[in-house]
Amino acid sequence: MLEKLPEAIGHALANQRAGMEKILFHAEGPAATALLDVTSPAFAPNGELPRRFTADGEGLSPPLRWRNVPAQAATLALVVEDADSPTPEPLVHAIVVDIDPREAGLVEGLYSGPPEASPEKLGRNSYLMLGWLPPDPPPGHGVHRYAFQVFALAAGEPLSKAPGRREVAAAIRERGIARGCLIGTYQRTAPVYPDERADTETAQLSELANGPVLD
């Protein structure tokens, strides 16, 4: 969606970023929780996301793997956030909850297709959609860091049918026992359509800059 924005707008917003300190990994839960080792066979830690996982490619959700899940974990949750979105809070790109703690990861494309086809329980991203919102940074805004955060939760009150960020954050605060985070990056250095100046795209970014939906 944002690939049509003039690069000048991305430069103008260069200093407007949510901040890594606001992602759930840093903002929620007791600091003493155990650490999970989260990796991906598709990209290295702090490495660039392959194009096929972004809005410039097929928009697939990337494969993930994790280790060191505590034996007392009743369920796992995945939250993917953009720490560099030009918004007051990180943009939520995906929420997957009620993951079996015996699972060692998620395969490529698992939560980027039709929600009804996913074997996992999906939450709502910042656009109030279920599933994967592919990275789509404004051209010229610089490198965006996408945090793939996995949380192990103890037994407790079940989450709703399609939970949002606030509900998942509350569950992490109440019963989070382990957490892990993998960072992948992506940026656009120039518009995909440099001659197109879509006023509607500018208006959509301006609206989003007032704050992503966090329910």
Protein backbone atom coordinates (compact mmCIF):
# COMPACT_ATOMS: atom_id res chain seq x y z
CA MET A 1 0.00 0.00 0.00
CA LEU A 2 2.68 2.51 1.01
CA GLU A 3 4.96 1.72 -1.93
CA LYS A 4 3.24 4.49 -3.93
CA LEU A 5 4.14 7.25 -1.49
CA PRO A 6 6.67 9.86 -2.64
CA GLU A 7 10.09 9.18 -1.13
CA ALA A 8 10.11 12.74 0.23
CA ILE A 9 7.37 11.81 2.68
CA GLY A 10 9.45 8.93 4.02
CA HIS A 11 12.39 11.30 4.53
CA ALA A 12 10.13 13.81 6.29
CA LEU A 13 9.00 11.10 8.72
CA ALA A 14 12.51 9.74 9.31
CA ASN A 15 12.59 10.77 12.97
CA GLN A 16 9.06 9.60 13.69
CA ARG A 17 9.33 6.01 14.91
CA ALA A 18 7.48 3.99 17.52
CA GLY A 19 10.67 2.74 19.19
CA MET A 20 12.08 -0.66 20.08
CA GLU A 21 11.39 -0.03 23.76
CA LYS A 22 7.64 -0.16 23.03
CA ILE A 23 7.46 -3.65 21.55
CA LEU A 24 5.79 -6.22 23.82
CA PHE A 25 9.06 -8.06 24.43
CA HIS A 26 10.37 -5.01 26.32
CA ALA A 27 7.13 -3.48 27.55
CA GLU A 28 5.19 -6.35 29.10
CA GLY A 29 5.70 -8.96 31.78
CA PRO A 30 8.23 -9.50 34.58
CA ALA A 31 11.86 -8.95 33.62
CA ALA A 32 12.85 -12.26 35.22
CA THR A 33 11.03 -14.46 32.70
CA ALA A 34 13.09 -17.13 30.94
CA LEU A 35 14.39 -16.56 27.43
CA LEU A 36 13.35 -18.48 24.34
CA ASP A 37 15.72 -18.90 21.40
CA VAL A 38 13.80 -17.73 18.31
CA THR A 39 15.31 -18.19 14.84
CA SER A 40 14.28 -18.49 11.20
CA PRO A 41 15.73 -20.63 8.42
CA ALA A 42 14.87 -17.79 6.03
CA PHE A 43 16.89 -14.90 7.52
CA ALA A 44 19.61 -14.28 10.08
CA PRO A 45 19.07 -12.35 13.32
CA ASN A 46 18.98 -8.64 12.44
CA GLY A 47 19.19 -9.66 8.80
CA GLU A 48 17.07 -8.44 5.91
CA LEU A 49 13.75 -10.17 5.28
CA PRO A 50 13.62 -11.80 1.83
CA ARG A 51 11.33 -9.93 -0.53
CA ARG A 52 8.83 -12.80 -0.71
CA PHE A 53 7.76 -12.08 2.88
CA THR A 54 6.95 -8.43 2.18
CA ALA A 55 4.34 -6.37 0.35
CA ASP A 56 6.82 -6.11 -2.55
CA GLY A 57 6.73 -9.89 -3.02
CA GLU A 58 4.28 -12.68 -2.39
CA GLY A 59 3.55 -11.46 1.14
CA LEU A 60 4.13 -14.85 2.80
CA SER A 61 4.64 -15.17 6.54
CA PRO A 62 8.20 -16.33 7.25
CA PRO A 63 9.05 -19.65 8.89
CA LEU A 64 10.05 -19.51 12.56
CA ARG A 65 11.69 -21.90 15.01
CA TRP A 66 12.10 -21.71 18.77
CA ARG A 67 13.75 -23.63 21.61
CA ASN A 68 13.87 -23.71 25.42
CA VAL A 69 10.10 -23.64 26.05
CA PRO A 70 9.54 -24.20 29.81
CA ALA A 71 7.83 -27.47 30.73
CA GLN A 72 5.10 -25.55 32.58
CA ALA A 73 4.06 -23.61 29.47
CA ALA A 74 0.40 -24.20 28.63
CA THR A 75 0.42 -22.27 25.35
CA LEU A 76 2.54 -20.03 23.14
CA ALA A 77 1.75 -16.73 21.44
CA LEU A 78 3.44 -14.96 18.54
CA VAL A 79 3.27 -11.18 18.11
CA VAL A 80 5.03 -9.47 15.19
CA GLU A 81 5.54 -5.71 15.47
CA ASP A 82 7.28 -2.99 13.47
CA ALA A 83 9.40 -1.02 15.95
CA ASP A 84 10.07 1.69 13.34
CA SER A 85 6.58 2.41 12.07
CA PRO A 86 5.91 6.20 11.93
CA THR A 87 3.22 5.81 14.58
CA PRO A 88 3.00 6.38 18.36
CA GLU A 89 2.98 2.62 19.01
CA PRO A 90 4.54 -0.25 17.04
CA LEU A 91 2.46 -1.46 14.13
CA VAL A 92 1.18 -4.99 14.74
CA HIS A 93 1.77 -7.23 11.71
CA ALA A 94 0.53 -10.53 13.12
CA ILE A 95 -0.81 -12.23 16.22
CA VAL A 96 -0.99 -16.02 16.55
CA VAL A 97 -2.19 -17.48 19.84
CA ASP A 98 -2.93 -20.83 21.50
CA ILE A 99 0.09 -22.42 19.81
CA ASP A 100 0.78 -25.89 21.20
CA PRO A 101 3.93 -25.57 23.38
CA ARG A 102 5.12 -28.90 21.98
CA GLU A 103 5.45 -27.31 18.53
CA ALA A 104 8.98 -26.21 17.61
CA GLY A 105 7.98 -23.50 15.15
CA LEU A 106 5.73 -22.33 12.33
CA VAL A 107 6.21 -23.17 8.66
CA GLU A 108 6.41 -20.61 5.87
CA GLY A 109 3.08 -19.13 4.82
CA LEU A 110 1.19 -20.67 7.74
CA TYR A 111 -0.61 -17.48 8.79
CA SER A 112 -0.58 -15.43 5.58
CA GLY A 113 -3.33 -17.24 3.69
CA PRO A 114 -7.09 -17.19 4.25
CA PRO A 115 -7.70 -17.10 8.04
CA GLU A 116 -10.12 -20.00 7.85
CA ALA A 117 -7.41 -22.15 6.25
CA SER A 118 -4.86 -21.61 9.01
CA PRO A 119 -4.44 -24.45 11.53
CA GLU A 120 -3.49 -21.85 14.15
CA LYS A 121 -5.69 -19.36 16.02
CA LEU A 122 -5.12 -15.88 14.59
CA GLY A 123 -5.47 -12.51 16.29
CA ARG A 124 -6.04 -9.08 14.79
CA ASN A 125 -3.24 -6.93 13.39
CA SER A 126 -3.27 -3.11 13.45
CA TYR A 127 -5.52 -3.09 10.36
CA LEU A 128 -8.04 -5.24 12.25
CA MET A 129 -7.39 -8.14 9.89
CA LEU A 130 -6.59 -11.71 10.86
CA GLY A 131 -3.21 -13.08 9.88
CA TRP A 132 -0.05 -11.64 8.37
CA LEU A 133 0.27 -7.98 7.36
CA PRO A 134 3.36 -8.01 5.08
CA PRO A 135 6.05 -5.38 5.76
CA ASP A 136 5.22 -2.26 3.77
CA PRO A 137 7.46 0.61 4.99
CA PRO A 138 7.25 4.09 3.42
CA PRO A 139 9.89 4.63 0.72
CA GLY A 140 12.80 6.65 2.05
CA HIS A 141 11.94 6.08 5.72
CA GLY A 142 15.02 3.96 6.30
CA VAL A 143 15.44 0.51 7.81
CA HIS A 144 12.46 -0.93 9.68
CA ARG A 145 12.99 -3.55 12.37
CA TYR A 146 10.32 -6.26 12.56
CA ALA A 147 10.19 -8.03 15.93
CA PHE A 148 9.02 -11.66 15.82
CA GLN A 149 8.19 -12.18 19.50
CA VAL A 150 7.26 -15.54 21.00
CA PHE A 151 5.79 -15.75 24.50
CA ALA A 152 5.23 -18.83 26.65
CA LEU A 153 2.18 -18.54 28.89
CA ALA A 154 1.14 -20.50 31.95
CA ALA A 155 -2.41 -21.83 32.19
CA GLY A 156 -5.09 -19.21 32.63
CA GLU A 157 -8.18 -17.53 31.22
CA PRO A 158 -8.63 -18.44 27.53
CA LEU A 159 -8.12 -15.66 24.99
CA SER A 160 -11.04 -14.49 22.89
CA LYS A 161 -11.74 -15.77 19.37
CA ALA A 162 -9.67 -13.05 17.63
CA PRO A 163 -7.61 -11.23 20.26
CA GLY A 164 -5.89 -7.91 19.64
CA ARG A 165 -2.66 -6.51 21.06
CA ARG A 166 -4.17 -5.22 24.31
CA GLU A 167 -5.71 -8.57 25.21
CA VAL A 168 -2.53 -10.49 24.42
CA ALA A 169 -0.43 -7.95 26.36
CA ALA A 170 -2.65 -8.43 29.40
CA ALA A 171 -2.20 -12.21 29.19
CA ILE A 172 1.58 -11.78 28.98
CA ARG A 173 1.57 -9.55 32.05
CA GLU A 174 -0.52 -12.02 34.02
CA ARG A 175 0.98 -15.36 33.04
CA GLY A 176 4.03 -14.89 30.82
CA ILE A 177 6.83 -17.26 31.86
CA ALA A 178 9.25 -17.03 28.92
CA ARG A 179 9.88 -14.80 25.92
CA GLY A 180 12.05 -14.65 22.85
CA CYS A 181 12.56 -12.16 20.03
CA LEU A 182 14.00 -12.34 16.53
CA ILE A 183 14.56 -9.15 14.53
CA GLY A 184 14.27 -9.02 10.74
CA THR A 185 14.73 -5.82 8.74
CA TYR A 186 13.34 -4.32 5.56
CA GLN A 187 13.46 -0.96 3.81
CA ARG A 188 12.45 0.76 0.60
CA THR A 189 15.04 3.17 -0.77
CA ALA A 190 12.80 4.43 -3.57
CA PRO A 191 9.14 4.17 -4.53
CA VAL A 192 8.12 1.13 -6.52
CA TYR A 193 6.12 3.54 -8.72
CA PRO A 194 8.26 6.74 -8.64
CA ASP A 195 6.04 8.71 -11.03
CA GLU A 196 2.83 8.04 -9.15
CA ARG A 197 1.80 10.50 -6.44
CA ALA A 198 -1.35 9.00 -4.94
CA ASP A 199 -3.10 11.41 -2.60
CA THR A 200 -5.05 8.54 -1.09
CA GLU A 201 -1.83 6.82 0.01
CA THR A 202 -0.62 10.01 1.70
CA ALA A 203 -3.95 10.37 3.49
CA GLN A 204 -3.82 6.75 4.68
CA LEU A 205 -0.33 7.19 6.12
CA SER A 206 -1.38 10.42 7.82
CA GLU A 207 -4.33 8.62 9.41
CA LEU A 208 -2.14 5.75 10.53
CA ALA A 209 0.38 8.19 12.06
CA ASN A 210 -2.29 9.13 14.59
CA GLY A 211 -1.85 5.67 16.05
CA PRO A 212 -2.39 2.05 14.97
CA VAL A 213 -5.40 0.21 16.27
CA LEU A 214 -4.29 -1.69 19.37
CA ASP A 215 -7.49 -3.38 20.57
